[in-house]
Amino acid sequence: MAEPREESEPLLSRARGGSGRYCTPGVPAGSSVQVGPGAAARRDLCLDQAVVLIEDAIQYRSINHRMDARSLWLCRWYYSSTCQWILSLTIFLILALAFIETPSSLASTSDVRYRPAAWEPPCGLTEGLEALCLLVFTADVSVKGYLVGWAQFRKNPWLLAYLVVLLVSVMDWVVSLSLVCQEPLRVRRLLRPFFLLQNSSMMKKTLKCVRWSLSEMASVGLLLAVHLCLFTVFGMLLFTGGKQDDGQDKERLTYFRNLPEALTSLLVLLTTANNPDVMIPAYSKNRAYAVFFIAFTLIGSLLLMNLLTAIIYNQFRGYLMKSLQTSLLRRRLGTRAAYKVLSSLTPEGVGVKPRDVLQVLQKVQLDSDHKEAIVEKLHSRGDLLSAGEFQELFDTFDKKVAKERPPRPEYQSPFLRRAQLLFGHRHFDCLGNLMALGNLVTICVFLVLDADVLPEERDDFVLGILNCVFILYYLLEMLLKVFALGLRGYLDSPSNVFDGLLTVVLLNFLHKWDRRGHLEPLAGDAEASSQMTVELLFRDVLEEPTEEELMEKLSRHPHLQLCR
């Protein structure tokens, strides 16, 4: 698959300016040099490129994809919420086929005595649904392959495995239809989880971390195997010698009768699942045998198992830091590439005009809160944005902008203002949590006291009175919060809405769930306008990509050759 000529040439090359499809750096879009529809098309292409690059930075996606006008439209369509929702639904559908395919255990009851015969779908029904799913996956891998290009496609092991799994699934599907659904083995069923794995970045990262941890985990696993084998041999020598006549000796033999039995017993003992069952017969015979089991538990459970846990934790933590570092690099690389593209619209090729950034923001798929925060920063900038200012502008992506809460009602009376401050305080929420805990405790106490009493013989008068008291408190708490926060402020908090609905439900039901949620902040609290994300928590550890590293990455972009 040969690369198209237009993709092998520099993206911002002047030689391509005549086509009207690519950005031309160093010449302003509105200057007298470039007039006519070609200049407008090139300007629109630059803006579209910046839009896609910024969206790549937002979603931590790689920017190594095609950058022509048709590919940009296809890229935005592929990563749209509708397309991704269809892909997720397809993955769910192909995995859900296992519940109705033959042999199926899907029934209205799990009791084998009353379970009816499982419904067997006719041949072609599940195969037809599976064919639709395979068509969607074929379109998925085709779009991904086209966007990244053949050179990047053959270097990506996930995409190559995606193609192989898809081909094997299609061939196995054809075999099923050829044999009228009577084939003894369906290989494609074993490959279905790969579709979920391939489209989940989190599962990919987890699998990579496990793969990197195998060497160190294998060393500890070898120590565990040696530990088990050594104590198995010792156990068989200690507990199976001599003549056994009484019942305890026979019970002791059940754990150390032969090598497989002894190994299995100690393996389960390593997890402390059958402790002290395996030790009691030997301990009853001779108390000195306890030293054997104590040594086995100390070395195996407390030393080697904790060592294995520490290795797994250390590997996952190290991979987390590396993943965050890669995400930071992708975000910085995307914003820097967007800056390079937008700077080509200025006469000197240096700096970005704020109005160009505003046009890009109008097209970027971004929530309104972040857009408003960026626009507010943009209004305080000068005529041209430098690379540092442009990067600082989009640092808002690293923060979660807190939603502005509705204003509280204003009361003229000093008494009402003090009451509003009291009932709007977070300690009032803590009091509600304590009341809910007390309600739960009273219910548990009465259930324990009446455990031996038949339901029709129970006297629930006292419990009913207590529950009525708690329900009246919940109702009063809801009304006081509406008084302190206002109706809009009360409904703005999901925890308050949950509490209100639950209070209404409790008028008929006598249970109260855990009401602990996020607390309503005070108006006078010094609360930041944004909340830190995971990246900011590790910002002191992560290394900021250098200017040379970013430019070196951009210079190797297969479809974004920045030339002057």
Protein backbone atom coordinates (compact mmCIF):
# COMPACT_ATOMS: atom_id res chain seq x y z
CA MET A 1 0.00 0.00 0.00
CA ALA A 2 1.87 3.02 -1.27
CA GLU A 3 1.50 6.36 0.45
CA PRO A 4 -0.22 9.07 -1.62
CA ARG A 5 2.12 11.70 -3.01
CA GLU A 6 0.42 14.50 -1.16
CA GLU A 7 1.01 12.71 2.16
CA SER A 8 4.70 12.09 1.52
CA GLU A 9 5.39 15.80 0.94
CA PRO A 10 5.76 18.36 3.72
CA LEU A 11 2.43 19.50 5.10
CA LEU A 12 3.32 23.20 5.13
CA SER A 13 5.37 23.21 1.97
CA ARG A 14 5.06 26.15 -0.43
CA ALA A 15 5.11 23.67 -3.29
CA ARG A 16 1.69 22.52 -2.27
CA GLY A 17 0.20 25.96 -1.97
CA GLY A 18 -1.21 25.84 -5.46
CA SER A 19 -3.48 22.90 -4.68
CA GLY A 20 -5.53 24.95 -2.25
CA ARG A 21 -5.60 22.12 0.28
CA TYR A 22 -2.58 22.78 2.51
CA CYS A 23 -1.30 25.56 4.76
CA THR A 24 1.33 27.91 3.41
CA PRO A 25 3.51 29.30 6.20
CA GLY A 26 4.92 32.76 6.34
CA VAL A 27 2.13 34.43 4.37
CA PRO A 28 -0.91 35.92 6.10
CA ALA A 29 -4.27 34.57 5.05
CA GLY A 30 -5.61 38.04 4.45
CA SER A 31 -2.59 39.60 2.67
CA SER A 32 -2.56 40.81 -0.89
CA VAL A 33 -0.30 37.97 -1.92
CA GLN A 34 -2.97 35.34 -1.35
CA VAL A 35 -6.36 36.21 -2.73
CA GLY A 36 -9.21 34.13 -4.03
CA PRO A 37 -10.72 30.86 -2.93
CA GLY A 38 -7.37 29.06 -2.73
CA ALA A 39 -6.11 31.23 0.14
CA ALA A 40 -9.40 30.86 2.02
CA ALA A 41 -9.27 27.08 1.57
CA ARG A 42 -5.72 26.96 2.89
CA ARG A 43 -6.71 29.04 5.89
CA ASP A 44 -9.66 26.78 6.60
CA LEU A 45 -7.39 23.75 6.36
CA CYS A 46 -4.96 25.23 8.87
CA LEU A 47 -7.80 25.93 11.29
CA ASP A 48 -9.15 22.39 10.85
CA GLN A 49 -5.70 20.95 11.48
CA ALA A 50 -5.39 22.99 14.66
CA VAL A 51 -8.85 21.80 15.77
CA VAL A 52 -7.92 18.13 15.35
CA LEU A 53 -4.53 18.57 17.00
CA ILE A 54 -6.07 20.28 20.03
CA GLU A 55 -8.69 17.52 20.29
CA ASP A 56 -5.85 14.99 20.14
CA ALA A 57 -4.18 16.83 23.02
CA ILE A 58 -7.39 16.88 25.04
CA GLN A 59 -7.94 13.13 24.64
CA TYR A 60 -4.22 12.21 24.91
CA ARG A 61 -4.31 10.78 21.39
CA SER A 62 -1.35 10.38 19.09
CA ILE A 63 -0.96 13.06 16.44
CA ASN A 64 0.65 10.63 13.97
CA HIS A 65 -2.22 10.59 11.50
CA ARG A 66 -3.02 12.10 8.11
CA MET A 67 -3.61 15.84 8.00
CA ASP A 68 -5.27 16.49 4.63
CA ALA A 69 -8.80 17.91 4.53
CA ARG A 70 -10.58 14.61 3.87
CA SER A 71 -8.62 12.78 6.56
CA LEU A 72 -9.32 15.54 9.08
CA TRP A 73 -13.05 15.25 8.44
CA LEU A 74 -12.83 11.46 8.75
CA CYS A 75 -10.81 11.72 11.96
CA ARG A 76 -13.33 14.04 13.62
CA TRP A 77 -16.20 11.84 12.49
CA TYR A 78 -14.50 8.69 13.80
CA TYR A 79 -13.82 10.18 17.23
CA SER A 80 -17.26 11.75 17.52
CA SER A 81 -19.47 10.63 20.40
CA THR A 82 -21.96 9.01 18.02
CA CYS A 83 -19.36 6.88 16.25
CA GLN A 84 -17.69 5.84 19.49
CA TRP A 85 -21.07 4.99 20.98
CA ILE A 86 -21.84 2.73 18.01
CA LEU A 87 -18.48 1.03 18.42
CA SER A 88 -19.05 0.47 22.15
CA LEU A 89 -22.52 -0.91 21.47
CA THR A 90 -21.07 -3.29 18.90
CA ILE A 91 -18.49 -4.59 21.37
CA PHE A 92 -21.21 -5.10 23.97
CA LEU A 93 -23.39 -6.91 21.45
CA ILE A 94 -20.74 -9.36 20.27
CA LEU A 95 -19.82 -10.19 23.88
CA ALA A 96 -23.48 -10.58 24.86
CA LEU A 97 -24.02 -13.21 22.15
CA ALA A 98 -22.48 -15.76 24.52
CA PHE A 99 -25.64 -15.63 26.66
CA ILE A 100 -27.92 -16.85 23.90
CA GLU A 101 -25.64 -18.96 21.74
CA THR A 102 -25.73 -22.74 22.01
CA PRO A 103 -25.02 -24.08 24.61
CA SER A 104 -26.81 -21.46 26.68
CA SER A 105 -27.72 -21.52 30.38
CA LEU A 106 -29.83 -18.37 30.21
CA ALA A 107 -33.08 -19.10 32.06
CA SER A 108 -35.55 -17.45 34.40
CA THR A 109 -34.31 -19.50 37.36
CA SER A 110 -31.03 -21.05 38.43
CA ASP A 111 -32.73 -24.00 40.12
CA VAL A 112 -32.07 -27.03 37.94
CA ARG A 113 -35.28 -28.67 39.18
CA TYR A 114 -37.49 -25.99 37.68
CA ARG A 115 -35.31 -24.71 34.88
CA PRO A 116 -36.99 -25.11 31.49
CA ALA A 117 -35.14 -26.20 28.40
CA ALA A 118 -32.83 -23.47 27.15
CA TRP A 119 -33.93 -21.62 24.04
CA GLU A 120 -31.81 -22.49 21.05
CA PRO A 121 -31.73 -19.76 18.42
CA PRO A 122 -32.14 -20.89 14.83
CA CYS A 123 -29.08 -21.16 12.68
CA GLY A 124 -28.28 -17.81 11.17
CA LEU A 125 -29.78 -15.57 13.86
CA THR A 126 -26.72 -15.11 16.04
CA GLU A 127 -24.51 -15.46 12.98
CA GLY A 128 -26.36 -12.54 11.37
CA LEU A 129 -25.84 -10.35 14.43
CA GLU A 130 -22.22 -11.40 14.53
CA ALA A 131 -21.83 -10.50 10.86
CA LEU A 132 -23.05 -6.96 11.58
CA CYS A 133 -20.53 -6.68 14.41
CA LEU A 134 -17.71 -7.93 12.20
CA LEU A 135 -18.67 -5.38 9.54
CA VAL A 136 -18.42 -2.59 12.11
CA PHE A 137 -15.02 -3.88 13.25
CA THR A 138 -13.88 -4.08 9.64
CA ALA A 139 -14.86 -0.46 9.13
CA ASP A 140 -13.11 0.41 12.40
CA VAL A 141 -9.78 -1.13 11.47
CA SER A 142 -10.05 0.28 7.93
CA VAL A 143 -10.54 3.83 9.20
CA LYS A 144 -7.72 3.47 11.70
CA GLY A 145 -5.42 2.04 9.04
CA TYR A 146 -6.21 4.84 6.60
CA LEU A 147 -5.75 7.61 9.18
CA VAL A 148 -2.35 6.45 10.43
CA GLY A 149 -1.06 5.28 7.05
CA TRP A 150 0.49 1.96 6.12
CA ALA A 151 3.92 2.90 7.49
CA GLN A 152 2.50 3.46 10.97
CA PHE A 153 -0.01 0.63 10.67
CA ARG A 154 2.60 -2.08 10.21
CA LYS A 155 4.56 -0.76 13.21
CA ASN A 156 1.56 -0.95 15.52
CA PRO A 157 1.23 -4.47 16.99
CA TRP A 158 -2.29 -3.79 18.27
CA LEU A 159 -3.60 -2.87 14.83
CA LEU A 160 -1.86 -5.84 13.24
CA ALA A 161 -3.34 -8.16 15.87
CA TYR A 162 -6.73 -6.49 15.31
CA LEU A 163 -6.53 -7.31 11.61
CA VAL A 164 -5.44 -10.92 12.24
CA VAL A 165 -8.21 -11.54 14.80
CA LEU A 166 -10.75 -10.05 12.43
CA LEU A 167 -9.61 -12.24 9.54
CA VAL A 168 -9.70 -15.40 11.67
CA SER A 169 -13.16 -14.49 12.95
CA VAL A 170 -14.49 -13.95 9.44
CA MET A 171 -13.08 -17.25 8.19
CA ASP A 172 -14.51 -19.12 11.18
CA TRP A 173 -17.86 -17.42 10.59
CA VAL A 174 -17.84 -18.63 6.98
CA VAL A 175 -17.06 -22.16 8.16
CA SER A 176 -20.02 -22.03 10.57
CA LEU A 177 -22.44 -21.13 7.80
CA SER A 178 -20.94 -23.76 5.50
CA LEU A 179 -21.56 -26.47 8.11
CA VAL A 180 -25.04 -25.15 8.98
CA CYS A 181 -23.96 -24.23 12.53
CA GLN A 182 -22.94 -27.83 13.31
CA GLU A 183 -19.19 -27.27 13.67
CA PRO A 184 -17.65 -28.80 16.85
CA LEU A 185 -15.48 -25.77 17.67
CA ARG A 186 -15.88 -22.06 17.10
CA VAL A 187 -12.48 -20.41 17.35
CA ARG A 188 -13.87 -16.89 17.03
CA ARG A 189 -15.59 -17.17 20.40
CA LEU A 190 -12.19 -17.35 22.07
CA LEU A 191 -11.10 -14.19 20.25
CA ARG A 192 -14.07 -11.99 21.11
CA PRO A 193 -12.59 -10.47 24.30
CA PHE A 194 -9.82 -9.04 22.11
CA PHE A 195 -12.27 -6.54 20.61
CA LEU A 196 -12.88 -5.11 24.06
CA LEU A 197 -9.19 -5.19 24.88
CA GLN A 198 -8.16 -3.46 21.67
CA ASN A 199 -10.57 -0.57 22.10
CA SER A 200 -9.80 0.05 25.78
CA SER A 201 -6.66 2.05 26.52
CA MET A 202 -6.88 1.17 30.21
CA MET A 203 -6.87 -2.57 29.48
CA LYS A 204 -3.97 -2.14 27.10
CA LYS A 205 -1.98 -0.36 29.79
CA THR A 206 -2.84 -3.02 32.34
CA LEU A 207 -1.76 -5.80 29.98
CA LYS A 208 1.52 -4.02 29.22
CA CYS A 209 2.19 -3.55 32.91
CA VAL A 210 1.56 -7.23 33.59
CA ARG A 211 3.87 -8.17 30.74
CA TRP A 212 6.64 -5.96 32.12
CA SER A 213 6.14 -7.39 35.61
CA LEU A 214 6.36 -11.04 34.53
CA SER A 215 10.14 -11.33 34.94
CA GLU A 216 10.20 -10.12 38.55
CA MET A 217 6.97 -11.95 39.37
CA ALA A 218 8.42 -15.13 37.91
CA SER A 219 11.45 -14.94 40.23
CA VAL A 220 9.24 -14.67 43.31
CA GLY A 221 6.96 -17.38 41.89
CA LEU A 222 10.00 -19.65 41.59
CA LEU A 223 10.86 -19.00 45.24
CA LEU A 224 7.28 -19.87 46.19
CA ALA A 225 7.46 -23.10 44.18
CA VAL A 226 10.73 -24.08 45.87
CA HIS A 227 9.25 -23.17 49.24
CA LEU A 228 6.18 -25.36 48.60
CA CYS A 229 8.16 -28.32 47.30
CA LEU A 230 10.64 -28.20 50.18
CA PHE A 231 7.99 -28.09 52.89
CA THR A 232 5.93 -30.71 51.06
CA VAL A 233 8.82 -33.15 51.23
CA PHE A 234 9.44 -32.31 54.89
CA GLY A 235 5.75 -32.73 55.68
CA MET A 236 5.55 -36.14 54.06
CA LEU A 237 8.65 -37.28 55.97
CA LEU A 238 7.34 -35.97 59.28
CA PHE A 239 3.66 -36.91 59.17
CA THR A 240 3.47 -40.15 57.22
CA GLY A 241 6.15 -42.18 58.96
CA GLY A 242 5.40 -44.88 61.49
CA LYS A 243 2.21 -46.78 62.15
CA GLN A 244 -1.11 -44.94 62.19
CA ASP A 245 -4.11 -46.54 63.86
CA ASP A 246 -6.33 -43.93 65.51
CA GLY A 247 -8.68 -41.50 63.83
CA GLN A 248 -6.42 -38.46 64.14
CA ASP A 249 -3.60 -40.27 62.38
CA LYS A 250 -5.96 -41.20 59.56
CA GLU A 251 -7.06 -37.58 59.34
CA ARG A 252 -3.43 -36.51 59.25
CA LEU A 253 -2.87 -38.87 56.33
CA THR A 254 -5.63 -37.19 54.32
CA TYR A 255 -3.47 -34.08 54.05
CA PHE A 256 -0.12 -35.79 53.43
CA ARG A 257 -1.12 -39.10 51.82
CA ASN A 258 0.98 -38.57 48.70
CA LEU A 259 2.86 -35.85 46.91
CA PRO A 260 -0.13 -34.27 45.05
CA GLU A 261 -2.29 -34.28 48.20
CA ALA A 262 0.46 -32.78 50.34
CA LEU A 263 1.32 -30.15 47.73
CA THR A 264 -2.33 -29.16 47.36
CA SER A 265 -2.82 -28.95 51.13
CA LEU A 266 0.18 -26.67 51.62
CA LEU A 267 -0.75 -24.58 48.58
CA VAL A 268 -4.16 -23.90 50.08
CA LEU A 269 -2.55 -23.33 53.48
CA LEU A 270 -0.34 -20.70 51.86
CA THR A 271 -3.50 -18.65 51.33
CA THR A 272 -4.57 -19.46 54.95
CA ALA A 273 -7.85 -20.85 53.58
CA ASN A 274 -7.62 -24.22 55.42
CA ASN A 275 -5.78 -22.94 58.45
CA PRO A 276 -5.67 -24.46 61.07
CA ASP A 277 -7.47 -27.57 59.75
CA VAL A 278 -4.35 -29.02 58.17
CA MET A 279 -2.32 -28.39 61.34
CA ILE A 280 -4.68 -29.70 64.05
CA PRO A 281 -4.21 -33.49 63.49
CA ALA A 282 -0.42 -33.22 63.54
CA TYR A 283 -0.47 -30.77 66.45
CA SER A 284 -2.67 -33.15 68.46
CA LYS A 285 -0.11 -35.91 67.92
CA ASN A 286 2.89 -33.80 68.91
CA ARG A 287 2.90 -30.10 69.77
CA ALA A 288 6.40 -29.72 68.36
CA TYR A 289 4.91 -30.17 64.89
CA ALA A 290 3.53 -26.61 65.21
CA VAL A 291 7.04 -25.34 64.44
CA PHE A 292 6.71 -26.76 60.93
CA PHE A 293 3.47 -24.89 60.19
CA ILE A 294 4.64 -21.68 61.87
CA ALA A 295 7.81 -21.67 59.78
CA PHE A 296 5.84 -22.43 56.62
CA THR A 297 3.39 -19.58 57.30
CA LEU A 298 6.09 -17.05 58.22
CA ILE A 299 8.22 -17.74 55.16
CA GLY A 300 5.41 -18.25 52.67
CA SER A 301 2.49 -16.04 53.68
CA LEU A 302 4.27 -13.24 55.53
CA LEU A 303 7.48 -12.99 53.50
CA LEU A 304 7.15 -14.33 49.97
CA MET A 305 3.49 -13.37 49.41
CA ASN A 306 4.10 -9.85 50.70
CA LEU A 307 7.19 -9.65 48.52
CA LEU A 308 5.07 -10.61 45.51
CA THR A 309 2.49 -7.97 46.45
CA ALA A 310 5.21 -5.35 46.80
CA ILE A 311 6.64 -6.19 43.38
CA ILE A 312 3.22 -5.93 41.73
CA TYR A 313 2.54 -2.61 43.46
CA ASN A 314 5.95 -1.23 42.53
CA GLN A 315 5.58 -2.26 38.90
CA PHE A 316 2.11 -0.81 38.57
CA ARG A 317 3.19 2.41 40.27
CA GLY A 318 6.17 2.72 37.95
CA TYR A 319 3.98 2.08 34.94
CA LEU A 320 1.47 4.65 36.21
CA MET A 321 4.19 7.28 36.31
CA LYS A 322 5.38 6.31 32.84
CA SER A 323 1.83 6.41 31.51
CA LEU A 324 1.28 9.86 33.00
CA GLN A 325 4.57 11.01 31.49
CA THR A 326 3.49 9.73 28.08
CA SER A 327 0.11 11.44 28.43
CA LEU A 328 1.81 14.71 29.34
CA LEU A 329 4.08 14.43 26.31
CA ARG A 330 1.13 13.76 24.00
CA ARG A 331 -0.76 16.77 25.35
CA ARG A 332 2.23 19.09 25.00
CA LEU A 333 2.99 17.70 21.55
CA GLY A 334 -0.56 18.27 20.35
CA THR A 335 -0.73 21.86 21.58
CA ARG A 336 2.72 22.66 20.15
CA ALA A 337 1.75 21.21 16.77
CA ALA A 338 -1.45 23.31 16.84
CA TYR A 339 0.68 26.38 17.61
CA LYS A 340 2.98 25.63 14.67
CA VAL A 341 0.03 25.28 12.32
CA LEU A 342 -1.69 28.47 13.51
CA SER A 343 1.55 30.45 13.49
CA SER A 344 1.84 29.78 9.75
CA LEU A 345 -1.13 32.15 9.29
CA THR A 346 0.88 35.14 10.54
CA PRO A 347 3.19 37.16 8.22
CA GLU A 348 6.39 36.36 10.12
CA GLY A 349 5.38 32.80 10.94
CA VAL A 350 5.83 33.52 14.64
CA GLY A 351 2.99 33.94 17.11
CA VAL A 352 -0.72 33.16 16.93
CA LYS A 353 -3.53 35.65 16.61
CA PRO A 354 -6.19 35.47 19.34
CA ARG A 355 -8.98 35.59 16.76
CA ASP A 356 -7.59 32.43 15.14
CA VAL A 357 -7.64 30.71 18.51
CA LEU A 358 -11.26 31.81 18.99
CA GLN A 359 -12.22 30.31 15.64
CA VAL A 360 -10.52 27.06 16.58
CA LEU A 361 -12.26 26.94 19.96
CA GLN A 362 -15.64 27.26 18.28
CA LYS A 363 -15.04 23.96 16.45
CA VAL A 364 -13.24 22.01 19.18
CA GLN A 365 -15.33 19.39 20.98
CA LEU A 366 -14.87 20.75 24.48
CA ASP A 367 -17.22 21.40 27.36
CA SER A 368 -18.47 24.93 27.78
CA ASP A 369 -16.77 25.45 31.16
CA HIS A 370 -13.29 24.91 29.75
CA LYS A 371 -14.09 27.02 26.70
CA GLU A 372 -15.20 29.91 28.87
CA ALA A 373 -12.05 29.62 30.99
CA ILE A 374 -9.80 29.69 27.89
CA VAL A 375 -11.70 32.60 26.35
CA GLU A 376 -11.39 34.53 29.60
CA LYS A 377 -7.62 33.99 29.58
CA LEU A 378 -7.47 34.89 25.91
CA HIS A 379 -9.02 38.32 26.47
CA SER A 380 -6.12 39.31 28.70
CA ARG A 381 -3.47 38.52 26.05
CA GLY A 382 -1.86 40.77 23.51
CA ASP A 383 -2.06 40.84 19.73
CA LEU A 384 0.11 37.75 19.22
CA LEU A 385 0.54 34.71 21.44
CA SER A 386 3.98 33.23 21.87
CA ALA A 387 4.55 29.48 22.21
CA GLY A 388 4.71 29.73 26.00
CA GLU A 389 1.55 31.84 26.20
CA PHE A 390 -0.26 29.48 23.85
CA GLN A 391 0.74 26.50 25.99
CA GLU A 392 -0.25 28.32 29.18
CA LEU A 393 -3.61 29.07 27.59
CA PHE A 394 -4.36 25.39 27.13
CA ASP A 395 -3.07 24.34 30.55
CA THR A 396 -6.73 24.62 31.51
CA PHE A 397 -7.09 21.07 30.15
CA ASP A 398 -5.13 19.83 33.17
CA LYS A 399 -7.75 21.19 35.54
CA LYS A 400 -11.36 20.42 36.18
CA VAL A 401 -13.22 23.69 36.18
CA ALA A 402 -15.62 23.85 39.09
CA LYS A 403 -19.17 24.67 38.15
CA GLU A 404 -20.38 27.96 39.53
CA ARG A 405 -23.15 27.33 42.00
CA PRO A 406 -26.39 29.31 42.03
CA PRO A 407 -26.40 32.25 44.47
CA ARG A 408 -27.95 31.76 47.85
CA PRO A 409 -31.05 33.69 48.79
CA GLU A 410 -30.49 36.94 50.65
CA TYR A 411 -32.45 37.62 53.83
CA GLN A 412 -32.80 40.97 55.53
CA SER A 413 -33.39 39.67 59.05
CA PRO A 414 -30.19 39.02 61.08
CA PHE A 415 -31.85 35.97 62.64
CA LEU A 416 -32.61 34.47 59.23
CA ARG A 417 -29.06 35.16 58.05
CA ARG A 418 -27.62 33.37 61.09
CA ALA A 419 -30.01 30.48 60.52
CA GLN A 420 -28.97 30.34 56.86
CA LEU A 421 -25.30 30.20 57.84
CA LEU A 422 -26.03 27.45 60.36
CA PHE A 423 -28.12 25.19 58.12
CA GLY A 424 -25.89 25.78 55.08
CA HIS A 425 -22.74 24.74 56.93
CA ARG A 426 -21.11 21.43 56.13
CA HIS A 427 -21.37 20.40 59.78
CA PHE A 428 -25.13 20.28 59.29
CA ASP A 429 -24.50 17.61 56.67
CA CYS A 430 -22.37 15.73 59.20
CA LEU A 431 -25.26 15.84 61.65
CA GLY A 432 -27.50 14.35 58.99
CA ASN A 433 -24.97 11.58 58.40
CA LEU A 434 -24.93 10.79 62.11
CA MET A 435 -28.71 10.61 62.17
CA ALA A 436 -28.68 8.27 59.19
CA LEU A 437 -26.09 6.11 60.97
CA GLY A 438 -28.26 6.06 64.08
CA ASN A 439 -31.24 5.01 61.97
CA LEU A 440 -29.25 2.17 60.48
CA VAL A 441 -28.00 1.03 63.88
CA THR A 442 -31.52 0.94 65.35
CA ILE A 443 -32.76 -1.14 62.44
CA CYS A 444 -29.85 -3.59 62.82
CA VAL A 445 -30.39 -3.86 66.58
CA PHE A 446 -34.08 -4.67 66.19
CA LEU A 447 -33.34 -7.18 63.44
CA VAL A 448 -30.87 -8.97 65.69
CA LEU A 449 -33.26 -8.95 68.66
CA ASP A 450 -36.09 -10.35 66.54
CA ALA A 451 -33.96 -12.87 64.65
CA ASP A 452 -35.66 -15.83 66.34
CA VAL A 453 -39.16 -14.40 66.11
CA LEU A 454 -41.44 -15.17 63.19
CA PRO A 455 -42.30 -12.13 61.05
CA GLU A 456 -46.00 -12.33 61.88
CA GLU A 457 -45.24 -12.45 65.61
CA ARG A 458 -42.91 -9.44 65.74
CA ASP A 459 -43.94 -6.26 67.53
CA ASP A 460 -42.63 -3.44 65.30
CA PHE A 461 -44.34 -0.63 67.22
CA VAL A 462 -41.15 0.77 68.79
CA LEU A 463 -39.18 0.40 65.54
CA GLY A 464 -41.97 2.14 63.63
CA ILE A 465 -41.98 5.06 66.08
CA LEU A 466 -38.21 5.46 65.78
CA ASN A 467 -38.33 5.33 61.99
CA CYS A 468 -41.08 7.95 61.94
CA VAL A 469 -38.88 10.21 64.06
CA PHE A 470 -35.95 9.74 61.67
CA ILE A 471 -38.15 10.36 58.62
CA LEU A 472 -39.48 13.58 60.14
CA TYR A 473 -35.90 14.68 60.75
CA TYR A 474 -34.96 13.94 57.13
CA LEU A 475 -37.96 15.96 55.96
CA LEU A 476 -37.02 18.83 58.26
CA GLU A 477 -33.41 18.66 57.06
CA MET A 478 -34.53 18.89 53.44
CA LEU A 479 -36.71 21.94 54.14
CA LEU A 480 -33.96 23.68 56.10
CA LYS A 481 -31.46 23.11 53.28
CA VAL A 482 -33.92 24.56 50.76
CA PHE A 483 -34.25 27.56 53.10
CA ALA A 484 -30.45 27.99 53.38
CA LEU A 485 -29.41 27.22 49.80
CA GLY A 486 -32.49 28.13 47.83
CA LEU A 487 -34.38 25.76 45.58
CA ARG A 488 -31.88 26.10 42.70
CA GLY A 489 -28.92 25.69 45.04
CA TYR A 490 -30.49 22.61 46.62
CA LEU A 491 -31.23 20.97 43.26
CA ASP A 492 -27.74 21.85 41.97
CA SER A 493 -26.14 19.31 44.34
CA PRO A 494 -26.63 15.65 43.30
CA SER A 495 -26.34 14.50 46.91
CA ASN A 496 -29.14 16.84 47.95
CA VAL A 497 -31.35 15.61 45.11
CA PHE A 498 -30.64 12.04 46.17
CA ASP A 499 -31.48 12.87 49.78
CA GLY A 500 -34.72 14.55 48.77
CA LEU A 501 -35.87 11.64 46.63
CA LEU A 502 -34.88 9.20 49.32
CA THR A 503 -36.83 11.15 51.91
CA VAL A 504 -39.94 10.84 49.77
CA VAL A 505 -39.33 7.12 49.32
CA LEU A 506 -38.86 6.69 53.06
CA LEU A 507 -42.42 7.75 53.65
CA ASN A 508 -43.27 4.22 52.46
CA PHE A 509 -40.07 2.34 53.19
CA LEU A 510 -38.30 2.23 56.52
CA HIS A 511 -34.68 2.08 55.40
CA LYS A 512 -32.14 4.83 54.86
CA TRP A 513 -29.09 4.35 52.73
CA ASP A 514 -25.67 5.88 53.36
CA ARG A 515 -26.08 9.55 52.72
CA ARG A 516 -22.45 10.46 52.69
CA GLY A 517 -21.65 12.29 49.50
CA HIS A 518 -19.82 15.39 48.52
CA LEU A 519 -20.38 18.29 50.89
CA GLU A 520 -21.85 21.62 49.95
CA PRO A 521 -19.05 24.22 50.14
CA LEU A 522 -19.50 27.41 52.11
CA ALA A 523 -19.85 30.68 50.30
CA GLY A 524 -17.04 32.16 52.38
CA ASP A 525 -14.65 29.23 52.00
CA ALA A 526 -11.44 29.88 50.11
CA GLU A 527 -12.20 27.32 47.42
CA ALA A 528 -10.17 27.17 44.23
CA SER A 529 -11.98 27.68 40.95
CA SER A 530 -10.64 24.39 39.65
CA GLN A 531 -9.84 20.94 40.96
CA MET A 532 -6.62 19.04 40.38
CA THR A 533 -6.60 16.05 38.09
CA VAL A 534 -4.41 12.95 38.41
CA GLU A 535 -1.70 14.56 36.26
CA LEU A 536 -1.41 17.54 38.61
CA LEU A 537 -1.09 15.25 41.62
CA PHE A 538 2.12 13.86 40.11
CA ARG A 539 3.29 17.10 38.48
CA ASP A 540 6.23 17.39 40.89
CA VAL A 541 7.42 13.95 39.79
CA LEU A 542 6.69 14.19 36.06
CA GLU A 543 9.30 15.78 33.84
CA GLU A 544 8.12 18.56 31.57
CA PRO A 545 9.09 17.80 27.93
CA THR A 546 11.90 20.05 26.74
CA GLU A 547 11.68 22.30 23.69
CA GLU A 548 14.21 20.15 21.85
CA GLU A 549 12.26 16.96 22.59
CA LEU A 550 9.00 18.44 21.33
CA MET A 551 10.54 19.78 18.13
CA GLU A 552 12.36 16.49 17.54
CA LYS A 553 9.06 14.61 17.86
CA LEU A 554 7.32 17.03 15.51
CA SER A 555 10.12 16.78 12.96
CA ARG A 556 9.57 13.00 12.77
CA HIS A 557 5.81 13.30 12.25
CA PRO A 558 5.04 11.33 9.08
CA HIS A 559 2.27 13.68 7.92
CA LEU A 560 3.19 17.00 9.55
CA GLN A 561 6.48 18.06 7.97
CA LEU A 562 7.03 21.63 9.18
CA CYS A 563 9.05 23.48 6.56
CA ARG A 564 9.82 27.15 6.14
